N, C-alpha and C. Protein backbone atom coordinates (compact mmCIF):
# COMPACT_ATOMS: atom_id res chain seq x y z
N UNK A 1 107.17 80.95 107.12
CA UNK A 1 107.13 80.95 105.68
C UNK A 1 107.97 79.78 105.18
N UNK A 2 107.46 79.09 104.19
CA UNK A 2 108.15 77.94 103.60
C UNK A 2 108.19 78.15 102.09
N UNK A 3 109.32 77.89 101.49
CA UNK A 3 109.41 77.98 100.04
C UNK A 3 110.72 78.61 99.60
N UNK A 4 110.88 78.71 98.28
CA UNK A 4 112.09 79.31 97.74
C UNK A 4 112.23 80.76 98.22
N UNK A 5 113.42 81.12 98.62
CA UNK A 5 113.75 82.49 99.05
C UNK A 5 113.02 82.91 100.33
N UNK A 6 112.47 81.95 101.08
CA UNK A 6 111.76 82.29 102.32
C UNK A 6 112.69 82.99 103.31
N UNK A 7 113.93 82.56 103.38
CA UNK A 7 114.87 83.19 104.29
C UNK A 7 115.10 84.65 103.98
N UNK A 8 115.13 84.96 102.71
CA UNK A 8 115.31 86.35 102.28
C UNK A 8 114.16 87.22 102.77
N UNK A 9 112.95 86.72 102.59
CA UNK A 9 111.76 87.47 103.01
C UNK A 9 111.73 87.61 104.53
N UNK A 10 112.00 86.53 105.23
CA UNK A 10 111.95 86.55 106.68
C UNK A 10 113.00 87.48 107.28
N UNK A 11 114.16 87.60 106.64
CA UNK A 11 115.20 88.50 107.14
C UNK A 11 114.73 89.95 107.12
N UNK A 12 114.02 90.33 106.07
CA UNK A 12 113.50 91.70 105.97
C UNK A 12 112.41 91.93 107.00
N UNK A 13 111.51 90.96 107.16
CA UNK A 13 110.44 91.08 108.15
C UNK A 13 111.04 91.15 109.55
N UNK A 14 112.03 90.31 109.84
CA UNK A 14 112.67 90.32 111.15
C UNK A 14 113.31 91.68 111.44
N UNK A 15 113.99 92.23 110.45
CA UNK A 15 114.63 93.53 110.63
C UNK A 15 113.58 94.59 110.99
N UNK A 16 112.46 94.57 110.30
CA UNK A 16 111.39 95.53 110.58
C UNK A 16 110.81 95.31 111.98
N UNK A 17 110.65 94.06 112.37
CA UNK A 17 110.11 93.77 113.70
C UNK A 17 111.07 94.23 114.80
N UNK A 18 112.36 93.98 114.62
CA UNK A 18 113.35 94.41 115.60
C UNK A 18 113.34 95.92 115.74
N UNK A 19 113.18 96.61 114.63
CA UNK A 19 113.14 98.08 114.64
C UNK A 19 111.78 98.62 115.07
N UNK A 20 110.82 97.72 115.29
CA UNK A 20 109.45 98.09 115.68
C UNK A 20 108.80 99.03 114.65
N UNK A 21 109.05 98.71 113.39
CA UNK A 21 108.46 99.49 112.30
C UNK A 21 107.04 99.00 112.03
N UNK A 22 106.15 99.89 111.64
CA UNK A 22 104.81 99.45 111.25
C UNK A 22 104.88 98.75 109.88
N UNK A 23 103.86 97.99 109.57
CA UNK A 23 103.85 97.29 108.29
C UNK A 23 103.94 98.27 107.12
N UNK A 24 103.50 99.51 107.34
CA UNK A 24 103.54 100.50 106.27
C UNK A 24 104.96 100.83 105.83
N UNK A 25 105.93 100.67 106.73
CA UNK A 25 107.33 100.92 106.36
C UNK A 25 107.77 99.95 105.27
N UNK A 26 107.35 98.69 105.38
CA UNK A 26 107.68 97.71 104.35
C UNK A 26 106.80 97.90 103.12
N UNK A 27 105.55 98.22 103.34
CA UNK A 27 104.64 98.41 102.21
C UNK A 27 105.11 99.55 101.32
N UNK A 28 105.59 100.62 101.93
CA UNK A 28 105.96 101.81 101.18
C UNK A 28 107.44 101.84 100.77
N UNK A 29 108.20 100.87 101.22
CA UNK A 29 109.63 100.83 100.89
C UNK A 29 109.84 100.44 99.44
N UNK A 30 110.96 100.85 98.91
CA UNK A 30 111.35 100.41 97.58
C UNK A 30 112.30 99.24 97.79
N UNK A 31 111.80 98.05 97.54
CA UNK A 31 112.59 96.83 97.73
C UNK A 31 113.17 96.44 96.38
N UNK A 32 114.48 96.22 96.35
CA UNK A 32 115.17 96.03 95.08
C UNK A 32 114.73 94.76 94.37
N UNK A 33 114.83 94.79 93.07
CA UNK A 33 114.40 93.70 92.20
C UNK A 33 115.65 93.01 91.66
N UNK A 34 115.66 91.78 91.39
CA UNK A 34 114.58 90.81 91.54
C UNK A 34 114.71 90.04 92.86
N UNK A 35 113.74 90.17 93.70
CA UNK A 35 113.74 89.41 94.95
C UNK A 35 112.32 88.98 95.28
N UNK A 36 112.23 87.98 96.13
CA UNK A 36 110.93 87.55 96.63
C UNK A 36 110.38 88.58 97.61
N UNK A 37 111.28 89.34 98.26
CA UNK A 37 110.88 90.31 99.26
C UNK A 37 109.98 91.39 98.70
N UNK A 38 110.13 91.71 97.42
CA UNK A 38 109.29 92.76 96.86
C UNK A 38 107.82 92.39 96.90
N UNK A 39 107.50 91.12 97.12
CA UNK A 39 106.12 90.69 97.29
C UNK A 39 105.49 91.24 98.55
N UNK A 40 106.32 91.68 99.51
CA UNK A 40 105.79 92.27 100.74
C UNK A 40 105.01 93.54 100.44
N UNK A 41 105.44 94.30 99.44
CA UNK A 41 104.71 95.51 99.06
C UNK A 41 103.26 95.17 98.71
N UNK A 42 103.08 94.13 97.93
CA UNK A 42 101.74 93.71 97.51
C UNK A 42 100.95 93.19 98.71
N UNK A 43 101.59 92.37 99.53
CA UNK A 43 100.92 91.81 100.70
C UNK A 43 100.41 92.91 101.62
N UNK A 44 101.29 93.83 101.99
CA UNK A 44 100.92 94.86 102.95
C UNK A 44 100.01 95.93 102.34
N UNK A 45 99.96 96.04 101.04
CA UNK A 45 99.06 97.02 100.44
C UNK A 45 97.61 96.58 100.55
N UNK A 46 97.38 95.31 100.89
CA UNK A 46 96.01 94.82 101.03
C UNK A 46 95.49 94.92 102.47
N UNK A 47 96.35 95.31 103.42
CA UNK A 47 95.94 95.42 104.82
C UNK A 47 95.21 96.74 105.02
N UNK A 48 94.08 96.67 105.68
CA UNK A 48 93.33 97.89 105.95
C UNK A 48 94.05 98.69 107.02
N UNK A 49 94.30 99.96 106.77
CA UNK A 49 95.09 100.78 107.66
C UNK A 49 94.38 101.02 109.00
N UNK A 50 93.07 101.15 109.01
CA UNK A 50 92.35 101.39 110.26
C UNK A 50 92.58 100.23 111.23
N UNK A 51 92.55 99.01 110.72
CA UNK A 51 92.74 97.83 111.54
C UNK A 51 94.13 97.83 112.17
N UNK A 52 95.14 98.13 111.38
CA UNK A 52 96.51 98.16 111.88
C UNK A 52 96.70 99.28 112.89
N UNK A 53 96.08 100.43 112.67
CA UNK A 53 96.20 101.54 113.59
C UNK A 53 95.57 101.19 114.93
N UNK A 54 94.45 100.47 114.90
CA UNK A 54 93.80 100.04 116.13
C UNK A 54 94.70 99.09 116.90
N UNK A 55 95.33 98.16 116.21
CA UNK A 55 96.24 97.23 116.87
C UNK A 55 97.41 97.96 117.51
N UNK A 56 97.96 98.96 116.82
CA UNK A 56 99.08 99.71 117.35
C UNK A 56 98.67 100.46 118.60
N UNK A 57 97.48 101.05 118.58
CA UNK A 57 96.99 101.77 119.74
C UNK A 57 96.75 100.84 120.92
N UNK A 58 96.24 99.64 120.65
CA UNK A 58 95.99 98.65 121.68
C UNK A 58 97.28 98.12 122.29
N UNK A 59 98.37 98.14 121.52
CA UNK A 59 99.64 97.60 122.00
C UNK A 59 100.27 98.49 123.07
N UNK A 60 99.89 99.75 123.11
CA UNK A 60 100.42 100.65 124.12
C UNK A 60 101.79 101.16 123.74
N UNK A 61 102.45 101.81 124.72
CA UNK A 61 103.76 102.40 124.44
C UNK A 61 104.82 101.35 124.14
N UNK A 62 105.77 101.73 123.31
CA UNK A 62 106.84 100.81 122.94
C UNK A 62 107.99 100.96 123.92
N UNK A 63 108.76 99.87 124.07
CA UNK A 63 109.94 99.90 124.94
C UNK A 63 110.94 100.92 124.41
N UNK A 64 111.64 101.57 125.34
CA UNK A 64 112.69 102.48 124.96
C UNK A 64 112.22 103.87 124.60
N UNK A 65 110.92 104.10 124.68
CA UNK A 65 110.37 105.43 124.39
C UNK A 65 109.82 106.03 125.65
N UNK A 66 109.99 107.33 125.82
CA UNK A 66 109.47 107.96 127.03
C UNK A 66 108.19 108.69 126.75
């Protein structure tokens, strides 16, 4: 990502990736205003859930889970 406040947005995405959260965690989160990060709600609300669920199933089990 390039642009104003890109670091702010990337920090939130990185945190979610490290925690292995699905995109829905960011989509459904209440992100405080005024920030560029709140745009993630809009971005992820346009992703079709069936497609994301298929990708998660294809990825297999996550590390650290039995």
